[in-house]
């Protein structure tokens, strides 16, 4: 369980991390979400907290990288560093200048537009290749759409989503 002292330590660690990268940070916002006990899955007993770290920079491009890959890697590094420092496991979501937030909204829009297109044309629509994280966003966004079938096809880096009318 993450407490107020842990949040303070997280803020200090993140600030120090970016200072060592010699990148001036405008703002760091940390939001803690306490883990919730699972209601529908009796087998899952573990409750895991999550921490969202929002960072504002003047020049974020170098830390976001192509298709957000550098941001993904930084997220991984921070998660490992923070878990080691605090001695606790928790999910870490790093976002720089709202890149992930905006990307999620963009992916959801593509998904919903593709549903409309598949229904209007009466044929499957194939989305571009996506990371597993991005495909999960599409699947989650479209799980309530009963008029289409959403499935991932392909292997490895060529895996993509196909949206087909029922």
C-alpha atoms as a PDB file:
ATOM      1  CA  UNK A   1       0.000   0.000   0.000  1.00  0.00           C
ATOM      2  CA  UNK A   2       1.366   3.390  -1.038  1.00  0.00           C
ATOM      3  CA  UNK A   3       1.302   6.086   1.667  1.00  0.00           C
ATOM      4  CA  UNK A   4       2.051   9.826   1.744  1.00  0.00           C
ATOM      5  CA  UNK A   5       5.741   9.263   2.514  1.00  0.00           C
ATOM      6  CA  UNK A   6       5.980   6.956  -0.501  1.00  0.00           C
ATOM      7  CA  UNK A   7       4.434   9.656  -2.709  1.00  0.00           C
ATOM      8  CA  UNK A   8       7.040  12.119  -1.425  1.00  0.00           C
ATOM      9  CA  UNK A   9       9.821   9.613  -2.198  1.00  0.00           C
ATOM     10  CA  UNK A  10       8.376   8.997  -5.664  1.00  0.00           C
ATOM     11  CA  UNK A  11       8.324  12.739  -6.384  1.00  0.00           C
ATOM     12  CA  UNK A  12      11.940  13.135  -5.219  1.00  0.00           C
ATOM     13  CA  UNK A  13      13.120  10.122  -7.231  1.00  0.00           C
ATOM     14  CA  UNK A  14      11.363  11.259 -10.410  1.00  0.00           C
ATOM     15  CA  UNK A  15      12.692  14.795 -10.027  1.00  0.00           C
ATOM     16  CA  UNK A  16      16.235  13.499  -9.474  1.00  0.00           C
ATOM     17  CA  UNK A  17      15.869  11.122 -12.437  1.00  0.00           C
ATOM     18  CA  UNK A  18      15.064  13.971 -14.839  1.00  0.00           C
ATOM     19  CA  UNK A  19      17.757  16.213 -13.322  1.00  0.00           C
ATOM     20  CA  UNK A  20      20.338  13.513 -14.064  1.00  0.00           C
ATOM     21  CA  UNK A  21      19.089  13.479 -17.646  1.00  0.00           C
ATOM     22  CA  UNK A  22      19.829  17.230 -17.646  1.00  0.00           C
ATOM     23  CA  UNK A  23      16.298  18.011 -18.752  1.00  0.00           C
ATOM     24  CA  UNK A  24      14.534  20.863 -16.956  1.00  0.00           C
ATOM     25  CA  UNK A  25      11.123  19.783 -15.723  1.00  0.00           C
ATOM     26  CA  UNK A  26       8.356  22.382 -15.590  1.00  0.00           C
ATOM     27  CA  UNK A  27       6.012  20.323 -13.440  1.00  0.00           C
ATOM     28  CA  UNK A  28       5.570  16.857 -11.946  1.00  0.00           C
ATOM     29  CA  UNK A  29       2.108  15.711 -10.968  1.00  0.00           C
ATOM     30  CA  UNK A  30       1.680  12.419  -9.114  1.00  0.00           C
ATOM     31  CA  UNK A  31      -1.658  10.712  -8.673  1.00  0.00           C
ATOM     32  CA  UNK A  32      -2.046   7.621  -6.523  1.00  0.00           C
ATOM     33  CA  UNK A  33      -4.842   5.143  -7.052  1.00  0.00           C
ATOM     34  CA  UNK A  34      -5.281   2.559  -4.328  1.00  0.00           C
ATOM     35  CA  UNK A  35      -5.696  -0.989  -5.550  1.00  0.00           C
ATOM     36  CA  UNK A  36      -9.203  -2.336  -5.400  1.00  0.00           C
ATOM     37  CA  UNK A  37     -10.190  -5.803  -4.348  1.00  0.00           C
ATOM     38  CA  UNK A  38     -11.437  -7.811  -7.320  1.00  0.00           C
ATOM     39  CA  UNK A  39     -15.199  -8.255  -7.306  1.00  0.00           C
ATOM     40  CA  UNK A  40     -15.719 -10.646 -10.207  1.00  0.00           C
ATOM     41  CA  UNK A  41     -12.619 -12.825  -9.944  1.00  0.00           C
ATOM     42  CA  UNK A  42     -12.387 -14.853  -6.754  1.00  0.00           C
ATOM     43  CA  UNK A  43      -9.089 -16.411  -7.885  1.00  0.00           C
ATOM     44  CA  UNK A  44      -7.329 -13.051  -7.936  1.00  0.00           C
ATOM     45  CA  UNK A  45      -6.424 -12.099  -4.386  1.00  0.00           C
ATOM     46  CA  UNK A  46      -3.662  -9.558  -4.992  1.00  0.00           C
ATOM     47  CA  UNK A  47      -4.500  -5.876  -4.783  1.00  0.00           C
ATOM     48  CA  UNK A  48      -2.011  -3.593  -6.522  1.00  0.00           C
ATOM     49  CA  UNK A  49      -1.814   0.186  -6.268  1.00  0.00           C
ATOM     50  CA  UNK A  50      -0.992   2.375  -9.238  1.00  0.00           C
ATOM     51  CA  UNK A  51       0.791   5.689  -9.529  1.00  0.00           C
ATOM     52  CA  UNK A  52       0.383   8.040 -12.486  1.00  0.00           C
ATOM     53  CA  UNK A  53       3.310  10.381 -13.012  1.00  0.00           C
ATOM     54  CA  UNK A  54       2.640  13.311 -15.322  1.00  0.00           C
ATOM     55  CA  UNK A  55       5.694  15.318 -16.323  1.00  0.00           C
ATOM     56  CA  UNK A  56       5.801  18.602 -18.243  1.00  0.00           C
ATOM     57  CA  UNK A  57       8.919  19.494 -20.246  1.00  0.00           C
ATOM     58  CA  UNK A  58       9.817  22.272 -22.688  1.00  0.00           C
ATOM     59  CA  UNK A  59      11.199  19.798 -25.220  1.00  0.00           C
ATOM     60  CA  UNK A  60       9.564  16.395 -24.686  1.00  0.00           C
ATOM     61  CA  UNK A  61      10.328  14.838 -28.095  1.00  0.00           C
ATOM     62  CA  UNK A  62      13.631  13.274 -27.048  1.00  0.00           C
ATOM     63  CA  UNK A  63      11.950  11.477 -24.131  1.00  0.00           C
ATOM     64  CA  UNK A  64       8.916  10.347 -26.099  1.00  0.00           C
ATOM     65  CA  UNK A  65      10.765   8.886 -29.070  1.00  0.00           C
ATOM     66  CA  UNK A  66       9.350   7.308 -32.190  1.00  0.00           C
ATOM     67  CA  UNK A  67       5.834   6.011 -31.535  1.00  0.00           C
ATOM     68  CA  UNK A  68       6.396   6.581 -27.811  1.00  0.00           C
ATOM     69  CA  UNK A  69       9.044   3.843 -27.516  1.00  0.00           C
ATOM     70  CA  UNK A  70      11.460   5.939 -25.427  1.00  0.00           C
ATOM     71  CA  UNK A  71       8.610   6.921 -23.109  1.00  0.00           C
ATOM     72  CA  UNK A  72       7.687   3.240 -22.759  1.00  0.00           C
ATOM     73  CA  UNK A  73      11.314   2.415 -21.869  1.00  0.00           C
ATOM     74  CA  UNK A  74      11.537   5.283 -19.350  1.00  0.00           C
ATOM     75  CA  UNK A  75       8.323   4.043 -17.753  1.00  0.00           C
ATOM     76  CA  UNK A  76       9.936   0.614 -17.330  1.00  0.00           C
ATOM     77  CA  UNK A  77      13.112   2.094 -15.803  1.00  0.00           C
ATOM     78  CA  UNK A  78      11.175   4.259 -13.352  1.00  0.00           C
ATOM     79  CA  UNK A  79       8.983   1.334 -12.319  1.00  0.00           C
ATOM     80  CA  UNK A  80      12.067  -0.771 -11.513  1.00  0.00           C
ATOM     81  CA  UNK A  81      13.836   2.097  -9.706  1.00  0.00           C
ATOM     82  CA  UNK A  82      10.790   2.997  -7.620  1.00  0.00           C
ATOM     83  CA  UNK A  83       9.991  -0.610  -6.701  1.00  0.00           C
ATOM     84  CA  UNK A  84      13.579  -1.111  -5.551  1.00  0.00           C
ATOM     85  CA  UNK A  85      13.698   2.163  -3.610  1.00  0.00           C
ATOM     86  CA  UNK A  86      10.323   1.708  -1.889  1.00  0.00           C
ATOM     87  CA  UNK A  87      10.452  -2.070  -1.587  1.00  0.00           C
ATOM     88  CA  UNK A  88       6.900  -2.291  -2.935  1.00  0.00           C
ATOM     89  CA  UNK A  89       5.366  -3.428  -6.189  1.00  0.00           C
ATOM     90  CA  UNK A  90       2.914  -1.047  -7.843  1.00  0.00           C
ATOM     91  CA  UNK A  91       1.969  -0.039 -11.356  1.00  0.00           C
ATOM     92  CA  UNK A  92       3.646   3.075 -12.744  1.00  0.00           C
ATOM     93  CA  UNK A  93       2.154   5.085 -15.594  1.00  0.00           C
ATOM     94  CA  UNK A  94       4.535   7.771 -16.844  1.00  0.00           C
ATOM     95  CA  UNK A  95       3.157  10.375 -19.224  1.00  0.00           C
ATOM     96  CA  UNK A  96       5.119  13.274 -20.681  1.00  0.00           C
ATOM     97  CA  UNK A  97       3.208  16.364 -21.868  1.00  0.00           C
ATOM     98  CA  UNK A  98       0.008  14.254 -22.138  1.00  0.00           C
ATOM     99  CA  UNK A  99       1.479  12.133 -24.957  1.00  0.00           C
ATOM    100  CA  UNK A 100      -0.043   8.844 -23.710  1.00  0.00           C
ATOM    101  CA  UNK A 101      -3.360  10.470 -22.845  1.00  0.00           C
ATOM    102  CA  UNK A 102      -3.648  12.001 -26.323  1.00  0.00           C
ATOM    103  CA  UNK A 103      -2.487   8.793 -28.015  1.00  0.00           C
ATOM    104  CA  UNK A 104      -5.123   6.755 -26.157  1.00  0.00           C
ATOM    105  CA  UNK A 105      -7.836   9.163 -27.284  1.00  0.00           C
ATOM    106  CA  UNK A 106      -6.523   8.996 -30.862  1.00  0.00           C
ATOM    107  CA  UNK A 107      -6.520   5.175 -30.833  1.00  0.00           C
ATOM    108  CA  UNK A 108     -10.070   5.101 -29.431  1.00  0.00           C
ATOM    109  CA  UNK A 109     -11.197   7.486 -32.192  1.00  0.00           C
ATOM    110  CA  UNK A 110      -9.606   5.308 -34.888  1.00  0.00           C
ATOM    111  CA  UNK A 111     -11.288   2.244 -33.365  1.00  0.00           C
ATOM    112  CA  UNK A 112     -14.750   3.833 -33.269  1.00  0.00           C
ATOM    113  CA  UNK A 113     -14.375   5.331 -36.751  1.00  0.00           C
ATOM    114  CA  UNK A 114     -13.374   1.893 -38.032  1.00  0.00           C
ATOM    115  CA  UNK A 115     -16.495   0.329 -36.512  1.00  0.00           C
ATOM    116  CA  UNK A 116     -18.622   2.865 -38.369  1.00  0.00           C
ATOM    117  CA  UNK A 117     -16.689   2.198 -41.571  1.00  0.00           C
ATOM    118  CA  UNK A 118     -16.982  -1.600 -41.242  1.00  0.00           C
ATOM    119  CA  UNK A 119     -20.739  -1.358 -40.657  1.00  0.00           C
ATOM    120  CA  UNK A 120     -21.262   1.119 -43.508  1.00  0.00           C
ATOM    121  CA  UNK A 121     -19.226  -0.919 -46.007  1.00  0.00           C
ATOM    122  CA  UNK A 122     -20.359  -4.306 -44.709  1.00  0.00           C
ATOM    123  CA  UNK A 123     -16.804  -5.663 -44.852  1.00  0.00           C
ATOM    124  CA  UNK A 124     -13.846  -6.067 -42.472  1.00  0.00           C
ATOM    125  CA  UNK A 125     -11.552  -3.131 -41.747  1.00  0.00           C
ATOM    126  CA  UNK A 126      -7.914  -3.857 -40.940  1.00  0.00           C
ATOM    127  CA  UNK A 127      -6.134  -1.400 -38.682  1.00  0.00           C
ATOM    128  CA  UNK A 128      -2.396  -0.686 -38.999  1.00  0.00           C
ATOM    129  CA  UNK A 129       0.059  -2.716 -36.919  1.00  0.00           C
ATOM    130  CA  UNK A 130      -0.024  -1.800 -33.247  1.00  0.00           C
ATOM    131  CA  UNK A 131       1.804  -2.673 -30.063  1.00  0.00           C
ATOM    132  CA  UNK A 132       0.088  -5.039 -27.634  1.00  0.00           C
ATOM    133  CA  UNK A 133      -0.675  -2.041 -25.414  1.00  0.00           C
ATOM    134  CA  UNK A 134      -2.413  -0.225 -28.280  1.00  0.00           C
ATOM    135  CA  UNK A 135      -4.333  -3.352 -29.346  1.00  0.00           C
ATOM    136  CA  UNK A 136      -5.546  -3.773 -25.760  1.00  0.00           C
ATOM    137  CA  UNK A 137      -6.898  -0.193 -25.854  1.00  0.00           C
ATOM    138  CA  UNK A 138      -8.850  -1.008 -29.047  1.00  0.00           C
ATOM    139  CA  UNK A 139     -10.210  -4.289 -27.655  1.00  0.00           C
ATOM    140  CA  UNK A 140     -11.284  -2.591 -24.418  1.00  0.00           C
ATOM    141  CA  UNK A 141     -12.890   0.327 -26.274  1.00  0.00           C
ATOM    142  CA  UNK A 142     -14.856  -1.932 -28.622  1.00  0.00           C
ATOM    143  CA  UNK A 143     -15.844  -4.751 -26.257  1.00  0.00           C
ATOM    144  CA  UNK A 144     -19.333  -3.259 -25.831  1.00  0.00           C
ATOM    145  CA  UNK A 145     -19.951  -3.030 -29.605  1.00  0.00           C
ATOM    146  CA  UNK A 146     -22.132  -6.093 -30.185  1.00  0.00           C
ATOM    147  CA  UNK A 147     -22.554  -5.460 -33.932  1.00  0.00           C
ATOM    148  CA  UNK A 148     -18.893  -6.169 -34.779  1.00  0.00           C
ATOM    149  CA  UNK A 149     -16.266  -8.820 -34.177  1.00  0.00           C
ATOM    150  CA  UNK A 150     -12.872  -7.504 -33.086  1.00  0.00           C
ATOM    151  CA  UNK A 151      -9.874  -9.796 -33.352  1.00  0.00           C
ATOM    152  CA  UNK A 152      -6.097  -9.578 -33.544  1.00  0.00           C
ATOM    153  CA  UNK A 153      -4.410 -11.286 -36.471  1.00  0.00           C
ATOM    154  CA  UNK A 154      -0.812 -11.830 -37.502  1.00  0.00           C
ATOM    155  CA  UNK A 155       2.389 -12.522 -35.618  1.00  0.00           C
ATOM    156  CA  UNK A 156       4.917 -10.404 -33.745  1.00  0.00           C
ATOM    157  CA  UNK A 157       5.474  -6.887 -35.034  1.00  0.00           C
ATOM    158  CA  UNK A 158       2.954  -7.498 -37.859  1.00  0.00           C
ATOM    159  CA  UNK A 159       0.042  -8.176 -35.466  1.00  0.00           C
ATOM    160  CA  UNK A 160      -2.961  -5.974 -36.216  1.00  0.00           C
ATOM    161  CA  UNK A 161      -6.659  -5.694 -35.421  1.00  0.00           C
ATOM    162  CA  UNK A 162      -9.444  -6.605 -37.838  1.00  0.00           C
ATOM    163  CA  UNK A 163     -12.932  -5.228 -37.208  1.00  0.00           C
ATOM    164  CA  UNK A 164     -15.663  -7.198 -38.996  1.00  0.00           C
ATOM    165  CA  UNK A 165     -19.442  -6.701 -39.051  1.00  0.00           C
ATOM    166  CA  UNK A 166     -21.403  -9.632 -37.562  1.00  0.00           C
END
